[in-house]
């Protein structure tokens, strides 16, 4: 029974089998939940169809809760989580399992005495149901591979960006504090200016007014353009390499026309 359930909940590779219909049902339910979250924010719709949305929420929570518990129960059939209990806990801590839990968690919080005001905030977690689609998207495996292979370069680029942010905020604090003590009151407060400058967003709520401050802001903005674009370049190069490798692995024989698969 556990093997059957595990196979049923696994992403189907054969269109038309029972597992494929389960996938289609879950995906449809996820999308409908996201649509419901959007529509229920409209007051007129919420007032007129509130009861229907509530019934749909109950149905969705039951389905997603059963799905989560069954995935947790069958996790040991995956070689990565084959050890009893420890494997189940290890699976429960994976990103997809956490998303599955967050998708239903807000519904059960009132039963544990959680403040309803907190519940209103945690209703945002219902959007995590959309992230459950990651389980069914093969393309996300490509993203995962790229990030995994380029993680060192990405970490270094983020460290450099963070270092620039600290240096920029420190210099700007000492330059602008006397002129604008309310906006550049401390280095942590100045980091807000550093973030919107380095990322080239530029809201305009905080900006330097001294000549030296403007000169430093221009230099920091120019450097920030390159540093912020660095992770984008790293990811673009990673995607290009992965796609080219995938094409090489699926080359066809010029004689017989069959796929030549390389390891």
Protein backbone atom coordinates (compact mmCIF):
# COMPACT_ATOMS: atom_id res chain seq x y z
CA UNK A 1 0.00 0.00 0.00
CA UNK A 2 2.83 2.40 0.88
CA UNK A 3 4.55 1.70 -2.44
CA UNK A 4 1.33 2.34 -4.33
CA UNK A 5 0.75 5.62 -2.52
CA UNK A 6 4.37 6.66 -3.10
CA UNK A 7 4.09 5.95 -6.81
CA UNK A 8 0.74 7.73 -6.96
CA UNK A 9 2.17 10.89 -5.39
CA UNK A 10 5.34 10.87 -7.48
CA UNK A 11 5.44 13.11 -10.52
CA UNK A 12 4.00 11.11 -13.40
CA UNK A 13 6.18 10.36 -16.41
CA UNK A 14 3.36 8.69 -18.36
CA UNK A 15 0.51 10.99 -19.42
CA UNK A 16 -2.86 9.37 -18.86
CA UNK A 17 -2.06 7.08 -15.92
CA UNK A 18 -3.60 7.50 -12.45
CA UNK A 19 -0.57 9.38 -11.11
CA UNK A 20 -0.88 11.86 -13.98
CA UNK A 21 -4.49 12.59 -13.05
CA UNK A 22 -3.49 13.08 -9.42
CA UNK A 23 -0.84 15.56 -10.53
CA UNK A 24 -3.35 17.39 -12.71
CA UNK A 25 -5.86 17.53 -9.85
CA UNK A 26 -3.32 18.91 -7.36
CA UNK A 27 -2.01 21.49 -9.83
CA UNK A 28 -5.55 22.64 -10.65
CA UNK A 29 -6.41 22.89 -6.97
CA UNK A 30 -3.26 24.92 -6.28
CA UNK A 31 -4.05 27.37 -9.07
CA UNK A 32 -7.67 27.70 -7.94
CA UNK A 33 -6.47 28.46 -4.41
CA UNK A 34 -4.23 31.24 -5.66
CA UNK A 35 -7.15 32.67 -7.65
CA UNK A 36 -9.32 32.44 -4.53
CA UNK A 37 -6.71 34.33 -2.46
CA UNK A 38 -6.76 37.10 -5.06
CA UNK A 39 -10.55 37.28 -5.40
CA UNK A 40 -11.25 37.19 -1.67
CA UNK A 41 -9.23 40.40 -1.26
CA UNK A 42 -12.00 42.20 -3.22
CA UNK A 43 -14.52 43.31 -0.61
CA UNK A 44 -17.62 43.07 -2.81
CA UNK A 45 -16.71 39.55 -3.94
CA UNK A 46 -15.85 38.50 -0.39
CA UNK A 47 -19.20 39.74 0.96
CA UNK A 48 -21.27 38.04 -1.74
CA UNK A 49 -19.39 34.74 -2.09
CA UNK A 50 -17.65 34.52 1.28
CA UNK A 51 -19.35 31.27 2.28
CA UNK A 52 -18.35 29.55 -0.96
CA UNK A 53 -14.75 30.63 -0.51
CA UNK A 54 -14.85 29.26 3.03
CA UNK A 55 -16.16 25.88 1.88
CA UNK A 56 -13.52 25.75 -0.84
CA UNK A 57 -10.87 26.55 1.78
CA UNK A 58 -12.06 23.65 3.96
CA UNK A 59 -11.94 21.28 1.00
CA UNK A 60 -8.48 22.44 -0.03
CA UNK A 61 -7.06 22.16 3.47
CA UNK A 62 -8.35 18.60 3.79
CA UNK A 63 -6.81 17.59 0.44
CA UNK A 64 -3.46 19.28 1.10
CA UNK A 65 -3.26 17.94 4.64
CA UNK A 66 -3.88 14.37 3.46
CA UNK A 67 -1.32 14.85 0.71
CA UNK A 68 1.28 16.16 3.20
CA UNK A 69 0.72 13.31 5.65
CA UNK A 70 0.89 10.69 2.89
CA UNK A 71 4.12 12.16 1.54
CA UNK A 72 5.55 12.11 5.04
CA UNK A 73 4.41 8.51 5.52
CA UNK A 74 5.92 7.27 2.24
CA UNK A 75 9.15 9.29 2.47
CA UNK A 76 11.16 6.21 3.55
CA UNK A 77 10.71 4.66 0.10
CA UNK A 78 13.01 7.35 -1.24
CA UNK A 79 16.65 6.15 -0.81
CA UNK A 80 17.59 9.57 0.54
CA UNK A 81 15.17 9.16 3.47
CA UNK A 82 15.19 5.39 3.87
CA UNK A 83 15.93 5.37 7.64
CA UNK A 84 12.69 5.18 9.68
CA UNK A 85 11.77 8.25 11.72
CA UNK A 86 15.10 9.98 11.00
CA UNK A 87 14.35 9.81 7.29
CA UNK A 88 10.84 11.14 7.85
CA UNK A 89 12.19 14.05 9.89
CA UNK A 90 14.84 14.72 7.26
CA UNK A 91 12.15 14.80 4.58
CA UNK A 92 9.95 17.09 6.68
CA UNK A 93 12.79 19.63 6.74
CA UNK A 94 13.19 19.75 2.96
CA UNK A 95 12.03 22.99 1.23
CA UNK A 96 9.12 21.32 -0.60
CA UNK A 97 7.86 19.63 2.56
CA UNK A 98 8.05 22.92 4.48
CA UNK A 99 6.07 24.60 1.70
CA UNK A 100 3.46 21.83 1.93
CA UNK A 101 3.19 22.44 5.68
CA UNK A 102 2.98 26.22 5.38
CA UNK A 103 0.20 25.83 2.83
CA UNK A 104 -2.14 24.39 5.49
CA UNK A 105 -0.63 25.72 8.73
CA UNK A 106 -2.73 28.92 9.02
CA UNK A 107 -5.95 26.90 9.07
CA UNK A 108 -4.91 24.83 12.13
CA UNK A 109 -3.34 27.59 14.23
CA UNK A 110 -6.59 28.65 15.99
CA UNK A 111 -6.96 25.11 17.37
CA UNK A 112 -3.68 25.62 19.25
CA UNK A 113 -4.70 28.91 20.83
CA UNK A 114 -2.80 31.17 18.44
CA UNK A 115 -3.92 34.81 18.42
CA UNK A 116 -6.36 35.41 15.57
CA UNK A 117 -4.55 38.66 14.71
CA UNK A 118 -1.47 36.57 14.00
CA UNK A 119 -3.67 34.24 11.95
CA UNK A 120 -4.65 37.13 9.68
CA UNK A 121 -0.99 37.69 8.90
CA UNK A 122 -0.25 34.01 8.41
CA UNK A 123 -3.05 33.73 5.85
CA UNK A 124 -0.42 35.10 3.48
CA UNK A 125 1.19 31.64 3.70
CA UNK A 126 -1.69 30.32 1.59
CA UNK A 127 0.20 31.70 -1.39
CA UNK A 128 2.78 28.98 -0.68
CA UNK A 129 0.34 26.64 -2.38
CA UNK A 130 1.55 28.12 -5.64
CA UNK A 131 5.10 27.11 -4.75
CA UNK A 132 3.88 23.53 -4.44
CA UNK A 133 3.89 23.55 -8.24
CA UNK A 134 7.68 23.30 -8.03
CA UNK A 135 7.22 19.57 -7.45
CA UNK A 136 5.72 19.21 -10.93
CA UNK A 137 7.97 21.51 -12.98
CA UNK A 138 10.93 19.82 -14.65
CA UNK A 139 12.36 23.22 -15.59
CA UNK A 140 12.96 24.00 -11.91
CA UNK A 141 15.44 21.12 -11.82
CA UNK A 142 17.55 23.15 -14.26
CA UNK A 143 17.41 26.16 -11.93
CA UNK A 144 18.40 23.98 -8.99
CA UNK A 145 21.40 22.56 -10.87
CA UNK A 146 22.59 25.99 -11.96
CA UNK A 147 22.36 27.46 -8.46
CA UNK A 148 24.08 24.40 -6.99
CA UNK A 149 26.99 24.62 -9.44
CA UNK A 150 27.37 28.39 -9.15
CA UNK A 151 26.79 28.71 -5.42
CA UNK A 152 30.41 29.65 -4.61
CA UNK A 153 30.43 32.46 -7.17
CA UNK A 154 27.00 33.65 -6.00
CA UNK A 155 28.09 33.68 -2.35
CA UNK A 156 31.20 35.69 -3.21
CA UNK A 157 29.16 38.22 -5.20
CA UNK A 158 26.70 38.63 -2.32
CA UNK A 159 29.58 39.06 0.14
CA UNK A 160 31.11 41.77 -2.06
CA UNK A 161 27.74 43.51 -2.31
CA UNK A 162 27.30 43.35 1.46
CA UNK A 163 30.82 44.69 1.99
CA UNK A 164 30.12 47.60 -0.37
CA UNK A 165 26.88 48.31 1.46
CA UNK A 166 28.60 48.50 4.86
CA UNK A 167 31.44 50.68 3.55
CA UNK A 168 29.03 52.99 1.71
CA UNK A 169 26.75 53.38 4.73
CA UNK A 170 29.70 54.06 7.03
CA UNK A 171 31.25 56.76 4.82
CA UNK A 172 27.92 58.39 4.08
CA UNK A 173 26.98 58.47 7.75
CA UNK A 174 30.08 60.43 8.70
CA UNK A 175 29.69 62.78 5.71
CA UNK A 176 25.95 63.50 5.99
CA UNK A 177 25.19 63.09 9.69
CA UNK A 178 25.85 66.72 10.58
CA UNK A 179 23.83 68.03 7.62
CA UNK A 180 20.90 65.59 7.99
CA UNK A 181 20.91 64.06 11.49
CA UNK A 182 17.30 62.91 11.11
CA UNK A 183 17.86 60.90 7.91
CA UNK A 184 21.44 59.73 8.51
CA UNK A 185 21.10 59.23 12.25
CA UNK A 186 23.18 56.03 12.43
CA UNK A 187 25.04 53.58 10.23
CA UNK A 188 22.15 51.03 10.29
CA UNK A 189 19.72 53.81 9.29
CA UNK A 190 22.08 54.89 6.51
CA UNK A 191 22.11 51.32 5.17
CA UNK A 192 18.59 51.95 3.84
CA UNK A 193 20.05 54.67 1.62
CA UNK A 194 22.88 52.29 0.68
CA UNK A 195 20.44 49.56 -0.38
CA UNK A 196 18.32 51.77 -2.61
CA UNK A 197 21.48 53.30 -4.12
CA UNK A 198 23.45 50.10 -4.71
CA UNK A 199 20.41 48.43 -6.26
CA UNK A 200 19.80 51.59 -8.36
CA UNK A 201 16.17 51.79 -7.16
CA UNK A 202 16.45 55.35 -5.89
CA UNK A 203 13.17 56.07 -4.08
CA UNK A 204 14.30 59.63 -3.35
CA UNK A 205 13.18 59.64 0.29
CA UNK A 206 16.80 59.80 1.53
CA UNK A 207 19.62 61.42 -0.43
CA UNK A 208 22.84 63.35 0.29
CA UNK A 209 22.88 67.17 0.09
CA UNK A 210 26.55 67.95 0.76
CA UNK A 211 28.98 68.14 -2.18
CA UNK A 212 31.18 65.38 -0.77
CA UNK A 213 28.14 63.23 -0.08
CA UNK A 214 26.88 63.59 -3.63
CA UNK A 215 30.33 62.77 -4.99
CA UNK A 216 30.49 59.59 -2.88
CA UNK A 217 26.91 58.68 -3.85
CA UNK A 218 27.81 58.88 -7.54
CA UNK A 219 30.83 56.60 -7.11
CA UNK A 220 28.87 54.11 -5.01
CA UNK A 221 26.01 54.05 -7.52
CA UNK A 222 28.40 53.30 -10.40
CA UNK A 223 30.12 50.51 -8.47
CA UNK A 224 26.75 49.17 -7.34
CA UNK A 225 25.55 48.76 -10.93
CA UNK A 226 28.37 46.30 -11.61
CA UNK A 227 28.04 44.40 -8.33
CA UNK A 228 24.27 44.02 -8.54
CA UNK A 229 24.55 42.79 -12.13
CA UNK A 230 27.25 40.26 -11.17
CA UNK A 231 24.87 37.52 -9.87
CA UNK A 232 22.76 37.94 -13.02
CA UNK A 233 25.81 37.32 -15.21
CA UNK A 234 26.82 34.30 -13.15
CA UNK A 235 23.36 32.75 -13.44
CA UNK A 236 23.15 33.54 -17.16
CA UNK A 237 26.49 31.80 -17.76
CA UNK A 238 25.33 28.82 -15.69
CA UNK A 239 22.10 28.47 -17.67
CA UNK A 240 24.00 28.74 -20.93
CA UNK A 241 26.40 25.96 -19.88
CA UNK A 242 23.59 23.68 -18.70
CA UNK A 243 21.56 24.13 -21.87
CA UNK A 244 24.57 23.52 -24.12
CA UNK A 245 25.45 20.37 -22.16
CA UNK A 246 21.86 19.17 -22.48
CA UNK A 247 21.98 19.62 -26.23
CA UNK A 248 25.26 17.70 -26.45
CA UNK A 249 23.79 14.82 -24.46
CA UNK A 250 20.87 14.54 -26.89
CA UNK A 251 22.69 14.67 -30.21
CA UNK A 252 21.35 12.43 -32.96
CA UNK A 253 23.40 9.98 -34.95
CA UNK A 254 23.81 11.32 -38.54
CA UNK A 255 23.46 7.76 -39.89
CA UNK A 256 20.49 6.23 -38.06
CA UNK A 257 18.93 9.36 -36.54
CA UNK A 258 18.73 7.88 -33.02
CA UNK A 259 19.60 9.89 -29.92
CA UNK A 260 23.18 9.61 -28.71
CA UNK A 261 23.06 9.87 -24.93
CA UNK A 262 26.29 10.77 -23.18
CA UNK A 263 26.91 10.47 -19.48
